[in-house]
N, C-alpha and C. Protein backbone atom coordinates (compact mmCIF):
# COMPACT_ATOMS: atom_id res chain seq x y z
N MET A 1 0.90 -1.20 0.00
CA MET A 1 0.18 0.09 0.05
C MET A 1 0.68 0.84 0.09
N SER A 2 0.12 2.60 -0.77
CA SER A 2 1.35 3.62 -1.70
C SER A 2 0.62 4.45 -0.28
N ARG A 3 1.70 5.53 0.45
CA ARG A 3 0.64 6.69 0.94
C ARG A 3 1.36 7.65 -0.10
N ASN A 4 0.18 8.91 -0.56
CA ASN A 4 0.70 9.83 -0.92
C ASN A 4 0.67 10.67 0.00
N LYS A 5 1.73 11.62 -0.37
CA LYS A 5 1.86 13.01 1.16
C LYS A 5 1.63 14.39 0.13
N ILE A 6 0.57 14.74 0.31
CA ILE A 6 0.68 16.43 0.23
C ILE A 6 1.41 17.29 1.07
N GLN A 7 2.32 17.81 0.06
CA GLN A 7 2.83 19.25 0.52
C GLN A 7 3.07 20.64 0.26
N GLY A 8 3.32 21.47 1.02
CA GLY A 8 3.14 22.85 0.27
C GLY A 8 4.20 23.19 -0.64
N THR A 9 4.18 24.00 -1.14
CA THR A 9 5.27 24.58 -2.13
C THR A 9 6.88 24.53 -1.61
N ASP A 10 7.21 24.80 -0.50
CA ASP A 10 8.65 24.60 0.59
C ASP A 10 8.62 23.37 0.82
N GLY A 11 8.40 22.75 0.52
CA GLY A 11 8.35 21.12 0.62
C GLY A 11 7.32 20.48 2.50
N ALA A 12 6.73 21.27 2.98
CA ALA A 12 6.31 21.16 4.60
C ALA A 12 5.07 20.73 4.08
N PRO A 13 5.14 19.74 4.88
CA PRO A 13 3.21 18.71 4.93
C PRO A 13 2.38 19.24 5.57
N VAL A 14 1.19 19.17 4.79
CA VAL A 14 0.12 19.83 5.31
C VAL A 14 -0.65 18.85 6.02
N VAL A 15 -1.79 19.15 6.38
CA VAL A 15 -2.68 18.95 7.19
C VAL A 15 -3.74 18.86 7.29
N LEU A 16 -4.92 18.32 7.04
CA LEU A 16 -6.38 18.98 7.25
C LEU A 16 -7.26 18.65 8.41
N ILE A 17 -7.25 19.29 8.95
CA ILE A 17 -8.46 18.65 10.20
C ILE A 17 -9.89 19.27 10.50
N THR A 18 -10.86 18.05 9.96
CA THR A 18 -12.42 18.42 10.46
C THR A 18 -12.06 19.09 11.86
N GLY A 19 -13.07 20.28 12.15
CA GLY A 19 -14.12 20.67 14.10
C GLY A 19 -12.52 20.33 14.09
N GLY A 20 -11.80 21.73 13.62
CA GLY A 20 -10.50 22.61 14.19
C GLY A 20 -10.84 23.64 14.81
N THR A 21 -12.16 23.87 15.55
CA THR A 21 -12.11 25.24 16.38
C THR A 21 -12.15 24.89 18.02
N SER A 22 -12.31 23.98 18.38
CA SER A 22 -12.48 22.95 19.35
C SER A 22 -11.85 21.83 19.79
N GLY A 23 -11.67 21.62 21.26
CA GLY A 23 -11.76 20.94 21.49
C GLY A 23 -10.28 19.69 21.02
N ILE A 24 -10.22 17.81 20.65
CA ILE A 24 -9.59 17.65 20.49
C ILE A 24 -9.04 17.73 18.61
N GLY A 25 -9.71 18.65 17.91
CA GLY A 25 -9.54 19.09 16.91
C GLY A 25 -8.66 20.01 16.80
N LEU A 26 -8.69 21.28 17.65
CA LEU A 26 -7.89 22.42 17.21
C LEU A 26 -6.51 22.01 18.16
N ALA A 27 -6.71 21.07 19.05
CA ALA A 27 -5.09 20.71 20.06
C ALA A 27 -4.48 19.74 18.68
N THR A 28 -4.92 19.47 18.23
CA THR A 28 -4.34 18.19 17.01
C THR A 28 -3.63 19.56 16.30
N ALA A 29 -4.59 20.19 15.43
CA ALA A 29 -4.15 21.52 14.10
C ALA A 29 -2.75 22.18 14.96
N THR A 30 -3.73 22.16 16.28
CA THR A 30 -2.83 23.45 17.19
C THR A 30 -0.92 22.76 16.96
N LEU A 31 -1.27 21.24 17.48
CA LEU A 31 0.47 20.57 17.60
C LEU A 31 1.02 20.01 16.05
N PHE A 32 0.31 20.03 15.17
CA PHE A 32 0.69 19.90 13.62
C PHE A 32 1.36 21.24 13.54
N ALA A 33 0.80 22.29 13.84
CA ALA A 33 1.12 23.63 13.20
C ALA A 33 2.56 23.91 14.02
N GLU A 34 2.61 23.64 15.25
CA GLU A 34 3.74 23.75 16.03
C GLU A 34 5.00 22.98 15.41
N GLN A 35 4.94 21.79 15.40
CA GLN A 35 5.49 21.13 14.28
C GLN A 35 6.23 21.67 13.36
N GLY A 36 5.32 22.64 12.00
CA GLY A 36 6.43 22.89 11.22
C GLY A 36 4.76 22.64 10.12
N TYR A 37 3.98 21.85 10.35
CA TYR A 37 2.98 21.37 9.15
C TYR A 37 2.30 22.59 8.70
N HIS A 38 1.97 22.73 7.38
CA HIS A 38 1.12 23.80 7.10
C HIS A 38 -0.62 23.10 7.40
N VAL A 39 -1.48 23.85 8.18
CA VAL A 39 -2.72 23.18 8.78
C VAL A 39 -4.09 23.58 7.89
N ALA A 40 -4.62 22.92 7.35
CA ALA A 40 -6.00 23.92 6.83
C ALA A 40 -7.09 22.92 8.04
N ILE A 41 -8.09 24.10 8.60
CA ILE A 41 -8.84 23.50 9.20
C ILE A 41 -10.54 24.08 8.55
N CYS A 42 -11.54 23.06 8.99
CA CYS A 42 -12.72 22.90 8.63
C CYS A 42 -13.28 23.39 10.18
N ALA A 43 -14.66 24.73 9.29
CA ALA A 43 -15.53 24.26 10.83
C ALA A 43 -17.07 24.41 10.16
N ARG A 44 -17.99 24.63 11.06
CA ARG A 44 -19.32 25.55 10.16
C ARG A 44 -19.31 26.83 10.87
N ASN A 45 -19.47 27.49 11.88
CA ASN A 45 -19.45 28.34 12.57
C ASN A 45 -17.91 29.22 12.46
N GLN A 46 -17.87 30.63 11.07
CA GLN A 46 -16.85 31.39 10.69
C GLN A 46 -16.42 31.82 12.11
N GLU A 47 -16.98 32.51 12.97
CA GLU A 47 -16.59 33.35 13.73
C GLU A 47 -15.56 32.58 14.76
N ARG A 48 -15.60 31.40 14.50
CA ARG A 48 -15.09 30.17 15.88
C ARG A 48 -13.84 30.01 14.90
N LEU A 49 -13.84 29.49 13.48
CA LEU A 49 -12.81 29.81 12.89
C LEU A 49 -12.28 30.50 12.51
N THR A 50 -11.75 32.27 12.19
CA THR A 50 -11.64 32.97 12.42
C THR A 50 -10.52 32.66 13.72
N MET A 51 -11.31 32.85 15.28
CA MET A 51 -10.77 32.90 16.36
C MET A 51 -9.41 31.46 16.11
N ALA A 52 -9.56 29.95 15.99
CA ALA A 52 -9.29 29.25 15.59
C ALA A 52 -7.74 29.18 14.91
N ILE A 53 -7.78 29.95 13.71
CA ILE A 53 -6.45 30.39 12.85
C ILE A 53 -5.78 30.88 13.41
N GLU A 54 -6.06 32.14 14.11
CA GLU A 54 -5.40 33.40 14.80
C GLU A 54 -4.39 32.01 16.13
N LYS A 55 -5.85 31.54 16.87
CA LYS A 55 -4.88 30.81 17.91
C LYS A 55 -3.85 29.86 17.41
N ILE A 56 -3.89 29.52 16.59
CA ILE A 56 -2.62 28.05 16.00
C ILE A 56 -1.86 28.65 14.82
N SER A 57 -1.78 30.41 14.04
CA SER A 57 -1.24 30.98 13.72
C SER A 57 0.07 31.56 14.68
N GLN A 58 -0.79 31.57 15.60
CA GLN A 58 0.53 31.99 17.05
C GLN A 58 0.69 30.83 17.81
N ALA A 59 0.59 29.89 17.63
CA ALA A 59 1.58 28.65 18.04
C ALA A 59 2.01 28.34 17.11
N SER A 60 1.95 28.25 15.76
CA SER A 60 3.14 27.61 14.60
C SER A 60 4.43 28.88 15.23
N GLY A 61 4.02 29.80 15.15
CA GLY A 61 5.28 31.07 15.10
C GLY A 61 5.94 31.26 13.90
N GLY A 62 5.33 31.16 13.01
CA GLY A 62 5.39 31.29 11.48
C GLY A 62 6.01 30.38 11.47
N ARG A 63 6.32 29.03 11.47
CA ARG A 63 6.85 27.57 10.59
C ARG A 63 5.95 26.90 9.68
N GLY A 64 4.69 27.83 9.66
CA GLY A 64 3.62 26.80 8.90
C GLY A 64 2.21 27.20 8.54
N GLU A 65 1.54 27.40 7.60
CA GLU A 65 0.70 28.82 7.33
C GLU A 65 -0.53 27.80 7.51
N VAL A 66 -1.59 28.89 7.80
CA VAL A 66 -2.65 27.83 8.98
C VAL A 66 -3.87 28.25 7.62
N VAL A 67 -4.79 27.67 7.01
CA VAL A 67 -5.89 28.49 6.49
C VAL A 67 -6.98 27.74 6.59
N GLY A 68 -8.52 28.15 6.87
CA GLY A 68 -9.53 27.85 7.33
C GLY A 68 -10.59 27.64 6.35
N PHE A 69 -11.89 27.21 6.47
CA PHE A 69 -12.47 26.80 5.49
C PHE A 69 -13.59 26.33 5.89
N GLN A 70 -15.11 27.37 5.60
CA GLN A 70 -16.16 27.32 6.54
C GLN A 70 -17.10 26.20 5.66
N ARG A 71 -17.73 24.93 6.04
CA ARG A 71 -17.77 23.66 5.69
C ARG A 71 -18.45 23.31 6.92
N ASP A 72 -19.55 22.50 6.43
CA ASP A 72 -20.90 21.43 7.04
C ASP A 72 -20.14 20.38 6.84
N MET A 73 -19.29 19.43 7.41
CA MET A 73 -18.82 18.37 6.65
C MET A 73 -19.19 17.44 7.29
């Protein structure tokens, strides 16, 4: 079984976290960001999404890009 990796243009790995605005999703996204991953999070609530992006970005220390998508998955 082969595994495909998604990488940013700088070679850093990319991770997508659903439910990334609270609880385990937010904690997981933050940990990946701290390790230099590019992080994409999805959430239903735009206000909570914006706050989570800010929090994760601060935790990353500029090592990875953080983006968010308002979606109901």
